[in-house]
Amino acid sequence: MASVTLSDVKKSYGKAEVIFGIDIDIADGEFVVLVGPSGCGKSTLLRMLAGLETITGGTIEIGDSVVNDLEPKDRDIAMVFQNYALYPHMTVAANMGFSLEHRRVPRATIAERVQWAAGILGLEPYLERYPRQLSGGQRQRVAMGRAIVRDPKVFLFDEPLSNLDAKLRVVMRGEIKALHQRLKTTTVYVTHDQVEAMTMADKIVVLSGGRVEQIGAPLELYDRPANRFVAGFIGSPSMNFIEGQMGADGFEANGTILPCPPGVPVGTRAVYGVRPEHFTIAPDALTAEILIVEPMGSETLVTMQLGETSMIGLFRERIAAAPGQTLGVSIDPARVHLFDAETGGRLT
């Protein structure tokens, strides 16, 4: 195991710069998720860490060594791809042990390591099968097994669950987290799915346009997003936003006065943010017109018109209401987020 440090890392393709001086410190044994929308640079960053892409500037350290000029095979990392990358003509056991065989590890040691990894991943019954005889989840376990038999310093995962159906993604998410808790190997995991990031990470790095927007623990990003981008990206359903300005009696937006925390001067142009789950039903508070009601069993998702703005509320109650009716809702000022209208930076 080892720590990983990225210092002022940059990447350009010709004159087009795609990674703009990124700094990330990953502690030994930490599970870090790089998350962001498509094209934000997360996979490029992972490939540079793996040595599959050269870096244009800065340094990458694994443990005490700068690895900028090292080949992938010399970095002591193992990577799991989204397309499994298994050899179709090899059995599960042969796929898992191939990297060790390539390194001329004794056959007895390879067999022992493969059996150990298969035991962890529940693959013992499938060791003599071929990839075509496995389900998607089983293939992904084989890809993970191929990585862990090497006992690397760092695991790298590049959107490994994106080819799986929704139910299997949830199962595999738990298995990867359990694997990390057992092995304690430093892990860097790339995904565009913020639910994966929230449920798996010790630390999340939110990326946008080749830059780091915020780094922190999942609940830190959820409770105190540094800017509007992070606030909108972290959380499902997404945070509601309303543009307006601070007034003497609260936040003024399209003729509606909304409660908000103190500390922002009157007249300040801002963006008001409230998460769907932070609305509560209160008959004598704000009046919203119901547009859509979506019962979800334990919760109810309601799209509603508040003033001139459409917003989404997530309620624990089962709401017996129909579109066109009204609903009284309240917002706890302590739960409100305010962002600068120009920069998007956090104001409160």
Foldseek 3Di string as FASTA:
>chain_A
DWKKWWFQWWADDVPRTQAGGDTDTGGFLFAEEEAEDPSLCQVVVLCQQLQVDAIPDTFMDTHHDTCRPPHNVPQQEAEAEQVLPFDQVDFLLCRLLVVVVVVVNDPVLSVVLLVVLCVLLVNVVRRGPGPVPDDLLNSSSSSVSSRPSSVGQEYEYEANCPPDDPVSSVVVLVSVLVVSVVSSHHYYYYDHDLVSNLVRGQKYFYGGRNYTQDIGHNVCLQQCPFFPVSQQRHDPPGKDKFWAFAAPQATDGLNDHAHADDDDDGPATKIKIAHQAQKDFDQPAFKWFWADWDDDPQWIWTFTQGNNDTDIHIGRDDDPDDGGDMTHIHGDNSRMWIAHPPPRGTDD
